[in-house]
C-alpha atoms as a PDB file:
ATOM      1  CA  MET A   1      12.692  61.478  22.466  1.00  0.00           C
ATOM      2  CA  LYS A   2      13.613  57.985  23.578  1.00  0.00           C
ATOM      3  CA  GLY A   3      15.960  55.483  21.990  1.00  0.00           C
ATOM      4  CA  GLY A   4      14.075  53.050  19.806  1.00  0.00           C
ATOM      5  CA  SER A   5      11.575  55.746  18.845  1.00  0.00           C
ATOM      6  CA  GLU A   6      10.760  56.184  15.185  1.00  0.00           C
ATOM      7  CA  ILE A   7      11.150  59.916  14.544  1.00  0.00           C
ATOM      8  CA  VAL A   8       9.538  59.740  11.098  1.00  0.00           C
ATOM      9  CA  THR A   9       9.107  56.783   8.757  1.00  0.00           C
ATOM     10  CA  GLY A  10      12.515  55.173   8.267  1.00  0.00           C
ATOM     11  CA  VAL A  11      14.350  57.272  10.887  1.00  0.00           C
ATOM     12  CA  MET A  12      14.957  55.731  14.313  1.00  0.00           C
ATOM     13  CA  ALA A  13      16.666  57.209  17.374  1.00  0.00           C
ATOM     14  CA  LEU A  14      19.239  55.074  19.210  1.00  0.00           C
ATOM     15  CA  ASP A  15      20.476  55.638  22.751  1.00  0.00           C
ATOM     16  CA  THR A  16      24.278  55.847  22.512  1.00  0.00           C
ATOM     17  CA  PRO A  17      25.348  57.204  25.905  1.00  0.00           C
ATOM     18  CA  GLY A  18      28.871  57.624  27.161  1.00  0.00           C
ATOM     19  CA  HIS A  19      30.300  60.498  25.160  1.00  0.00           C
ATOM     20  CA  THR A  20      27.790  62.914  26.660  1.00  0.00           C
ATOM     21  CA  PRO A  21      24.697  62.375  28.800  1.00  0.00           C
ATOM     22  CA  GLY A  22      21.715  61.705  26.542  1.00  0.00           C
ATOM     23  CA  HIS A  23      23.842  61.220  23.402  1.00  0.00           C
ATOM     24  CA  MET A  24      21.887  59.652  20.561  1.00  0.00           C
ATOM     25  CA  SER A  25      22.686  58.224  17.164  1.00  0.00           C
ATOM     26  CA  VAL A  26      20.238  57.716  14.312  1.00  0.00           C
ATOM     27  CA  LEU A  27      19.383  54.875  11.922  1.00  0.00           C
ATOM     28  CA  VAL A  28      18.075  56.041   8.547  1.00  0.00           C
ATOM     29  CA  ALA A  29      16.506  53.436   6.235  1.00  0.00           C
ATOM     30  CA  SER A  30      15.598  54.140   2.621  1.00  0.00           C
ATOM     31  CA  GLY A  31      15.594  52.172  -0.603  1.00  0.00           C
ATOM     32  CA  GLY A  32      16.759  48.963   1.058  1.00  0.00           C
ATOM     33  CA  VAL A  33      19.843  50.607   2.610  1.00  0.00           C
ATOM     34  CA  THR A  34      20.245  51.505   6.276  1.00  0.00           C
ATOM     35  CA  MET A  35      22.728  54.122   7.431  1.00  0.00           C
ATOM     36  CA  LEU A  36      23.958  54.534  10.984  1.00  0.00           C
ATOM     37  CA  VAL A  37      24.661  58.179  11.835  1.00  0.00           C
ATOM     38  CA  THR A  38      26.909  57.869  14.887  1.00  0.00           C
ATOM     39  CA  GLY A  39      27.270  61.484  15.953  1.00  0.00           C
ATOM     40  CA  ASP A  40      30.202  61.599  18.371  1.00  0.00           C
ATOM     41  CA  ALA A  41      29.740  58.049  19.701  1.00  0.00           C
ATOM     42  CA  LEU A  42      32.552  56.989  17.327  1.00  0.00           C
ATOM     43  CA  ALA A  43      34.313  60.345  17.195  1.00  0.00           C
ATOM     44  CA  ASN A  44      37.847  59.173  16.417  1.00  0.00           C
ATOM     45  CA  ILE A  45      37.872  56.281  13.970  1.00  0.00           C
ATOM     46  CA  HIS A  46      41.499  55.412  14.720  1.00  0.00           C
ATOM     47  CA  PHE A  47      40.961  54.813  18.427  1.00  0.00           C
ATOM     48  CA  ALA A  48      37.283  53.847  18.352  1.00  0.00           C
ATOM     49  CA  PHE A  49      37.704  51.309  15.548  1.00  0.00           C
ATOM     50  CA  ASP A  50      41.182  49.936  16.262  1.00  0.00           C
ATOM     51  CA  HIS A  51      40.782  49.885  20.050  1.00  0.00           C
ATOM     52  CA  PRO A  52      37.079  50.049  20.968  1.00  0.00           C
ATOM     53  CA  ASP A  53      37.918  48.898  24.506  1.00  0.00           C
ATOM     54  CA  TRP A  54      40.099  51.953  25.211  1.00  0.00           C
ATOM     55  CA  GLN A  55      38.532  54.552  27.461  1.00  0.00           C
ATOM     56  CA  MET A  56      38.503  57.996  25.840  1.00  0.00           C
ATOM     57  CA  ILE A  57      39.384  61.032  27.936  1.00  0.00           C
ATOM     58  CA  TRP A  58      36.685  63.120  26.256  1.00  0.00           C
ATOM     59  CA  ASP A  59      33.875  60.690  27.175  1.00  0.00           C
ATOM     60  CA  HIS A  60      31.678  61.844  30.054  1.00  0.00           C
ATOM     61  CA  ASP A  61      31.198  58.222  31.197  1.00  0.00           C
ATOM     62  CA  ARG A  62      34.222  56.306  29.944  1.00  0.00           C
ATOM     63  CA  GLU A  63      33.014  52.790  30.780  1.00  0.00           C
ATOM     64  CA  LEU A  64      29.663  53.429  29.139  1.00  0.00           C
ATOM     65  CA  GLY A  65      31.477  54.934  26.145  1.00  0.00           C
ATOM     66  CA  VAL A  66      33.393  51.672  25.656  1.00  0.00           C
ATOM     67  CA  LYS A  67      30.181  49.628  25.895  1.00  0.00           C
ATOM     68  CA  THR A  68      28.417  51.907  23.399  1.00  0.00           C
ATOM     69  CA  ARG A  69      31.308  51.871  20.896  1.00  0.00           C
ATOM     70  CA  LYS A  70      31.518  48.084  20.945  1.00  0.00           C
ATOM     71  CA  SER A  71      27.753  47.776  20.546  1.00  0.00           C
ATOM     72  CA  LEU A  72      27.609  50.210  17.608  1.00  0.00           C
ATOM     73  CA  LEU A  73      30.566  48.618  15.835  1.00  0.00           C
ATOM     74  CA  ASP A  74      29.186  45.103  16.345  1.00  0.00           C
ATOM     75  CA  ARG A  75      25.806  46.199  14.996  1.00  0.00           C
ATOM     76  CA  ALA A  76      27.334  48.003  12.009  1.00  0.00           C
ATOM     77  CA  THR A  77      29.332  44.892  11.143  1.00  0.00           C
ATOM     78  CA  HIS A  78      26.574  42.348  11.764  1.00  0.00           C
ATOM     79  CA  ASP A  79      23.857  44.330   9.963  1.00  0.00           C
ATOM     80  CA  ARG A  80      26.217  45.545   7.199  1.00  0.00           C
ATOM     81  CA  LEU A  81      25.157  49.126   7.816  1.00  0.00           C
ATOM     82  CA  LEU A  82      26.386  52.108   5.893  1.00  0.00           C
ATOM     83  CA  VAL A  83      28.024  54.335   8.525  1.00  0.00           C
ATOM     84  CA  THR A  84      28.710  58.045   8.838  1.00  0.00           C
ATOM     85  CA  GLY A  85      29.639  60.316  11.701  1.00  0.00           C
ATOM     86  CA  TYR A  86      31.598  63.387  12.619  1.00  0.00           C
ATOM     87  CA  HIS A  87      35.346  63.621  12.024  1.00  0.00           C
ATOM     88  CA  TYR A  88      35.433  60.751   9.491  1.00  0.00           C
ATOM     89  CA  PRO A  89      37.879  60.984   6.575  1.00  0.00           C
ATOM     90  CA  PHE A  90      36.614  61.691   3.055  1.00  0.00           C
ATOM     91  CA  PRO A  91      34.138  60.650   1.799  1.00  0.00           C
ATOM     92  CA  GLY A  92      32.793  60.378   5.352  1.00  0.00           C
ATOM     93  CA  VAL A  93      30.626  57.348   4.552  1.00  0.00           C
ATOM     94  CA  GLY A  94      31.611  53.699   4.581  1.00  0.00           C
ATOM     95  CA  HIS A  95      31.314  50.304   6.213  1.00  0.00           C
ATOM     96  CA  VAL A  96      32.850  48.575   9.214  1.00  0.00           C
ATOM     97  CA  VAL A  97      34.480  45.144   9.256  1.00  0.00           C
ATOM     98  CA  LYS A  98      35.709  43.110  12.218  1.00  0.00           C
ATOM     99  CA  GLU A  99      39.487  42.795  12.306  1.00  0.00           C
ATOM    100  CA  GLY A 100      41.197  40.969  15.184  1.00  0.00           C
ATOM    101  CA  ASP A 101      40.163  42.548  18.486  1.00  0.00           C
ATOM    102  CA  GLY A 102      39.063  45.718  16.722  1.00  0.00           C
ATOM    103  CA  PHE A 103      37.379  46.941  13.593  1.00  0.00           C
ATOM    104  CA  ARG A 104      38.413  48.531  10.315  1.00  0.00           C
ATOM    105  CA  TRP A 105      36.842  51.457   8.466  1.00  0.00           C
ATOM    106  CA  LEU A 106      36.188  50.852   4.757  1.00  0.00           C
ATOM    107  CA  PRO A 107      35.390  54.145   3.014  1.00  0.00           C
ATOM    108  CA  ALA A 108      32.662  53.970   0.394  1.00  0.00           C
ATOM    109  CA  GLU A 109      33.787  54.297  -3.199  1.00  0.00           C
ATOM    110  CA  TRP A 110      33.146  57.793  -4.446  1.00  0.00           C
ATOM    111  CA  VAL A 111      33.006  58.693  -8.127  1.00  0.00           C
ATOM    112  CA  TRP A 112      32.443  62.173  -9.441  1.00  0.00           C
ATOM    113  CA  ASP A 113      30.312  62.230 -12.565  1.00  0.00           C
ATOM    114  CA  ARG A 114      30.306  65.605 -14.284  1.00  0.00           C
ATOM    115  CA  GLU A 115      27.384  64.565 -16.480  1.00  0.00           C
ATOM    116  CA  THR A 116      24.859  64.254 -13.654  1.00  0.00           C
END
């Protein structure tokens, strides 16, 4: 599979190298909403969001990891994407906003409705 490939209707693969060789993220579009599934490209929201220019020790290619993080965060902000990934705090889904030299995670509002 190559980045930019549509896997099935509404699901697109994105090359997001740096964390591991061949790492990919996914864009899922449905009902007028697009969600970015980051995988481990944005593994630690505190470092990745607050300091996207910091090189992470766990990234296979640290410079490429920085470039990928900045690109994903810029895209999420610009395109107002819903975002999810691994290791995110509850509810694990939210949005990204630009804040100073970094970004801020805004968790989605979650409401439990016992009737549905």
